[in-house]
Amino acid sequence: MNEKAVPAVKDGGAFATFRWWQAEPGRGITVHPVAVRDEYHSGHKLEALRRLVEDGTLTLRVADRLPADQAAEAHRRLEAGGVRGRLVLVF
């Protein structure tokens, strides 16, 4: 899956992976491995987040959903400013 994400990352950018991907993405991209094993059995935390979203305490704002091949457009929009919410890349 990480191989599919790399083209969506701008040159010199970064992305996080939790599957201990060891490949070199090139183009100056930094890979940040994230260890999730400590939280693997923390379903209660996700449950708490779900309740906060459902009761309106925590709001999720998605500005737009774009196909992964439009990642460059997402970067342009973020750099231009004025985006309210997250731009979600759909793989």
N, C-alpha and C. Protein backbone atom coordinates (compact mmCIF):
# COMPACT_ATOMS: atom_id res chain seq x y z
N MET A 1 0.82 -1.20 0.00
CA MET A 1 0.00 0.00 0.00
C MET A 1 0.86 1.26 0.00
N ASN A 2 1.99 1.25 0.71
CA ASN A 2 2.84 2.43 0.73
C ASN A 2 3.32 2.82 -0.65
N GLU A 3 3.56 1.82 -1.51
CA GLU A 3 4.00 2.10 -2.87
C GLU A 3 2.95 2.93 -3.61
N LYS A 4 1.68 2.71 -3.28
CA LYS A 4 0.61 3.48 -3.91
C LYS A 4 0.55 4.90 -3.36
N ALA A 5 0.97 5.10 -2.12
CA ALA A 5 0.90 6.43 -1.50
C ALA A 5 2.03 7.34 -1.95
N VAL A 6 3.19 6.80 -2.25
CA VAL A 6 4.36 7.61 -2.58
C VAL A 6 4.09 8.60 -3.72
N PRO A 7 3.45 8.22 -4.82
CA PRO A 7 3.21 9.19 -5.89
C PRO A 7 2.33 10.38 -5.45
N ALA A 8 1.56 10.20 -4.38
CA ALA A 8 0.69 11.28 -3.90
C ALA A 8 1.43 12.27 -3.00
N VAL A 9 2.68 11.97 -2.64
CA VAL A 9 3.45 12.84 -1.75
C VAL A 9 4.31 13.77 -2.60
N LYS A 10 4.29 15.05 -2.28
CA LYS A 10 5.07 16.00 -3.08
C LYS A 10 6.56 15.80 -2.83
N ASP A 11 7.37 16.22 -3.77
CA ASP A 11 8.82 16.16 -3.62
C ASP A 11 9.23 16.87 -2.34
N GLY A 12 10.08 16.23 -1.54
CA GLY A 12 10.52 16.82 -0.28
C GLY A 12 9.52 16.68 0.84
N GLY A 13 8.39 16.04 0.57
CA GLY A 13 7.34 15.87 1.58
C GLY A 13 7.63 14.70 2.50
N ALA A 14 6.62 14.29 3.23
CA ALA A 14 6.77 13.20 4.19
C ALA A 14 5.46 12.46 4.32
N PHE A 15 5.56 11.21 4.77
CA PHE A 15 4.36 10.47 5.13
C PHE A 15 4.70 9.48 6.22
N ALA A 16 3.68 9.09 6.96
CA ALA A 16 3.85 8.15 8.06
C ALA A 16 3.36 6.78 7.62
N THR A 17 4.05 5.76 8.10
CA THR A 17 3.65 4.39 7.81
C THR A 17 3.67 3.58 9.10
N PHE A 18 2.73 2.69 9.24
CA PHE A 18 2.71 1.87 10.44
C PHE A 18 3.01 0.41 10.12
N ARG A 19 3.40 0.13 8.92
CA ARG A 19 3.70 -1.25 8.52
C ARG A 19 5.20 -1.48 8.34
N TRP A 20 6.03 -0.63 8.89
CA TRP A 20 7.49 -0.78 8.87
C TRP A 20 8.03 -0.94 7.47
N TRP A 21 7.52 -0.13 6.60
CA TRP A 21 7.97 -0.11 5.21
C TRP A 21 9.41 0.36 5.17
N GLN A 22 10.27 -0.37 4.49
CA GLN A 22 11.70 -0.08 4.49
C GLN A 22 12.23 0.46 3.17
N ALA A 23 11.42 0.59 2.17
CA ALA A 23 11.87 1.05 0.85
C ALA A 23 12.26 2.52 0.89
N GLU A 24 13.05 2.93 -0.07
CA GLU A 24 13.45 4.34 -0.22
C GLU A 24 12.53 4.97 -1.25
N PRO A 25 11.69 5.95 -0.84
CA PRO A 25 10.72 6.50 -1.77
C PRO A 25 11.33 7.46 -2.80
N GLY A 26 12.54 8.00 -2.50
CA GLY A 26 13.16 8.95 -3.44
C GLY A 26 12.53 10.32 -3.38
N ARG A 27 12.95 11.20 -4.27
CA ARG A 27 12.44 12.56 -4.43
C ARG A 27 12.51 13.37 -3.14
N GLY A 28 13.39 12.99 -2.21
CA GLY A 28 13.54 13.74 -0.97
C GLY A 28 12.41 13.52 0.03
N ILE A 29 11.64 12.47 -0.17
CA ILE A 29 10.50 12.17 0.71
C ILE A 29 11.02 11.51 1.98
N THR A 30 10.54 11.98 3.12
CA THR A 30 10.89 11.41 4.42
C THR A 30 9.79 10.45 4.86
N VAL A 31 10.18 9.28 5.32
CA VAL A 31 9.22 8.29 5.82
C VAL A 31 9.32 8.26 7.34
N HIS A 32 8.18 8.40 8.01
CA HIS A 32 8.12 8.35 9.47
C HIS A 32 7.41 7.07 9.89
N PRO A 33 8.18 6.05 10.32
CA PRO A 33 7.51 4.84 10.80
C PRO A 33 6.83 5.09 12.14
N VAL A 34 5.63 4.61 12.29
CA VAL A 34 4.85 4.80 13.51
C VAL A 34 4.55 3.43 14.11
N ALA A 35 4.89 3.25 15.36
CA ALA A 35 4.61 1.99 16.05
C ALA A 35 3.23 2.05 16.66
N VAL A 36 2.37 1.15 16.26
CA VAL A 36 1.01 1.13 16.80
C VAL A 36 0.77 -0.04 17.75
N ARG A 37 1.78 -0.86 17.94
CA ARG A 37 1.56 -2.06 18.77
C ARG A 37 1.13 -1.72 20.19
N ASP A 38 1.56 -0.57 20.72
CA ASP A 38 1.16 -0.19 22.07
C ASP A 38 -0.32 0.15 22.15
N GLU A 39 -0.89 0.56 21.04
CA GLU A 39 -2.30 0.95 21.03
C GLU A 39 -3.19 -0.12 20.40
N TYR A 40 -2.62 -1.23 20.03
CA TYR A 40 -3.37 -2.26 19.32
C TYR A 40 -4.62 -2.70 20.08
N HIS A 41 -4.54 -2.74 21.38
CA HIS A 41 -5.67 -3.19 22.19
C HIS A 41 -6.39 -2.02 22.87
N SER A 42 -6.36 -0.86 22.25
CA SER A 42 -6.96 0.33 22.84
C SER A 42 -8.26 0.69 22.13
N GLY A 43 -9.07 -0.29 21.87
CA GLY A 43 -10.34 -0.04 21.21
C GLY A 43 -11.21 0.94 21.98
N HIS A 44 -11.05 0.98 23.29
CA HIS A 44 -11.85 1.90 24.10
C HIS A 44 -11.57 3.36 23.72
N LYS A 45 -10.36 3.65 23.26
CA LYS A 45 -10.04 5.02 22.84
C LYS A 45 -10.78 5.38 21.56
N LEU A 46 -10.83 4.45 20.61
CA LEU A 46 -11.60 4.69 19.39
C LEU A 46 -13.08 4.81 19.69
N GLU A 47 -13.55 4.01 20.62
CA GLU A 47 -14.95 4.09 21.03
C GLU A 47 -15.26 5.46 21.62
N ALA A 48 -14.36 5.99 22.42
CA ALA A 48 -14.55 7.32 23.01
C ALA A 48 -14.59 8.39 21.92
N LEU A 49 -13.71 8.27 20.93
CA LEU A 49 -13.72 9.23 19.82
C LEU A 49 -15.02 9.14 19.03
N ARG A 50 -15.49 7.92 18.79
CA ARG A 50 -16.75 7.73 18.07
C ARG A 50 -17.90 8.43 18.80
N ARG A 51 -17.96 8.26 20.13
CA ARG A 51 -19.02 8.91 20.90
C ARG A 51 -18.93 10.43 20.80
N LEU A 52 -17.70 10.97 20.85
CA LEU A 52 -17.53 12.42 20.75
C LEU A 52 -17.99 12.95 19.40
N VAL A 53 -17.74 12.18 18.33
CA VAL A 53 -18.20 12.59 17.00
C VAL A 53 -19.71 12.50 16.92
N GLU A 54 -20.27 11.41 17.41
CA GLU A 54 -21.72 11.23 17.31
C GLU A 54 -22.50 12.23 18.13
N ASP A 55 -21.96 12.66 19.27
CA ASP A 55 -22.72 13.64 20.07
C ASP A 55 -22.40 15.09 19.69
N GLY A 56 -21.54 15.27 18.67
CA GLY A 56 -21.26 16.61 18.17
C GLY A 56 -20.17 17.36 18.91
N THR A 57 -19.55 16.75 19.91
CA THR A 57 -18.47 17.40 20.65
C THR A 57 -17.25 17.57 19.75
N LEU A 58 -16.95 16.56 18.97
CA LEU A 58 -15.83 16.58 18.04
C LEU A 58 -16.40 16.58 16.64
N THR A 59 -16.09 17.61 15.87
CA THR A 59 -16.62 17.69 14.52
C THR A 59 -15.52 17.40 13.51
N LEU A 60 -15.90 16.65 12.52
CA LEU A 60 -14.98 16.30 11.44
C LEU A 60 -15.36 17.12 10.23
N ARG A 61 -14.41 17.85 9.71
CA ARG A 61 -14.71 18.69 8.55
C ARG A 61 -13.87 18.21 7.37
N VAL A 62 -14.54 17.73 6.35
CA VAL A 62 -13.87 17.32 5.12
C VAL A 62 -14.21 18.34 4.06
N ALA A 63 -13.19 19.03 3.55
CA ALA A 63 -13.41 20.04 2.53
C ALA A 63 -13.70 19.40 1.18
N ASP A 64 -13.02 18.28 0.90
CA ASP A 64 -13.21 17.64 -0.40
C ASP A 64 -12.57 16.26 -0.38
N ARG A 65 -13.08 15.38 -1.20
CA ARG A 65 -12.49 14.04 -1.41
C ARG A 65 -12.01 14.01 -2.85
N LEU A 66 -10.75 13.65 -3.03
CA LEU A 66 -10.16 13.64 -4.37
C LEU A 66 -9.54 12.27 -4.64
N PRO A 67 -9.59 11.82 -5.90
CA PRO A 67 -8.88 10.59 -6.22
C PRO A 67 -7.38 10.80 -6.02
N ALA A 68 -6.66 9.74 -5.67
CA ALA A 68 -5.23 9.85 -5.37
C ALA A 68 -4.44 10.46 -6.51
N ASP A 69 -4.87 10.25 -7.74
CA ASP A 69 -4.12 10.82 -8.85
C ASP A 69 -4.26 12.33 -8.96
N GLN A 70 -5.09 12.94 -8.10
CA GLN A 70 -5.22 14.39 -8.05
C GLN A 70 -4.51 14.96 -6.81
N ALA A 71 -3.54 14.23 -6.28
CA ALA A 71 -2.81 14.68 -5.09
C ALA A 71 -2.12 16.03 -5.34
N ALA A 72 -1.59 16.24 -6.52
CA ALA A 72 -0.92 17.51 -6.83
C ALA A 72 -1.91 18.67 -6.69
N GLU A 73 -3.14 18.46 -7.12
CA GLU A 73 -4.18 19.50 -6.97
C GLU A 73 -4.46 19.75 -5.51
N ALA A 74 -4.51 18.70 -4.71
CA ALA A 74 -4.73 18.86 -3.26
C ALA A 74 -3.61 19.69 -2.65
N HIS A 75 -2.37 19.41 -3.03
CA HIS A 75 -1.24 20.20 -2.52
C HIS A 75 -1.36 21.66 -2.94
N ARG A 76 -1.72 21.90 -4.19
CA ARG A 76 -1.88 23.30 -4.66
C ARG A 76 -2.95 24.03 -3.83
N ARG A 77 -4.05 23.35 -3.59
CA ARG A 77 -5.12 23.98 -2.82
C ARG A 77 -4.68 24.28 -1.38
N LEU A 78 -3.97 23.35 -0.77
CA LEU A 78 -3.48 23.58 0.60
C LEU A 78 -2.49 24.73 0.64
N GLU A 79 -1.57 24.76 -0.31
CA GLU A 79 -0.56 25.81 -0.33
C GLU A 79 -1.17 27.18 -0.60
N ALA A 80 -2.26 27.21 -1.38
CA ALA A 80 -2.92 28.48 -1.67
C ALA A 80 -3.65 29.03 -0.45
N GLY A 81 -3.98 28.14 0.49
CA GLY A 81 -4.68 28.57 1.71
C GLY A 81 -6.18 28.67 1.49
N GLY A 82 -6.88 28.87 2.58
CA GLY A 82 -8.32 29.05 2.53
C GLY A 82 -9.13 27.77 2.55
N VAL A 83 -8.47 26.61 2.66
CA VAL A 83 -9.21 25.35 2.71
C VAL A 83 -9.71 25.15 4.13
N ARG A 84 -11.01 25.02 4.27
CA ARG A 84 -11.60 24.76 5.59
C ARG A 84 -11.93 23.28 5.68
N GLY A 85 -11.17 22.56 6.45
CA GLY A 85 -11.35 21.12 6.56
C GLY A 85 -10.20 20.39 5.92
N ARG A 86 -10.34 19.09 5.86
CA ARG A 86 -9.29 18.23 5.32
C ARG A 86 -9.59 17.87 3.88
N LEU A 87 -8.53 17.78 3.10
CA LEU A 87 -8.64 17.24 1.75
C LEU A 87 -8.28 15.77 1.86
N VAL A 88 -9.19 14.90 1.52
CA VAL A 88 -9.02 13.46 1.68
C VAL A 88 -8.70 12.85 0.32
N LEU A 89 -7.57 12.12 0.26
CA LEU A 89 -7.22 11.39 -0.96
C LEU A 89 -7.81 9.99 -0.88
N VAL A 90 -8.51 9.60 -1.91
CA VAL A 90 -9.16 8.30 -1.94
C VAL A 90 -8.33 7.38 -2.85
N PHE A 91 -7.83 6.28 -2.25
CA PHE A 91 -7.03 5.32 -3.00
C PHE A 91 -7.89 4.17 -3.45
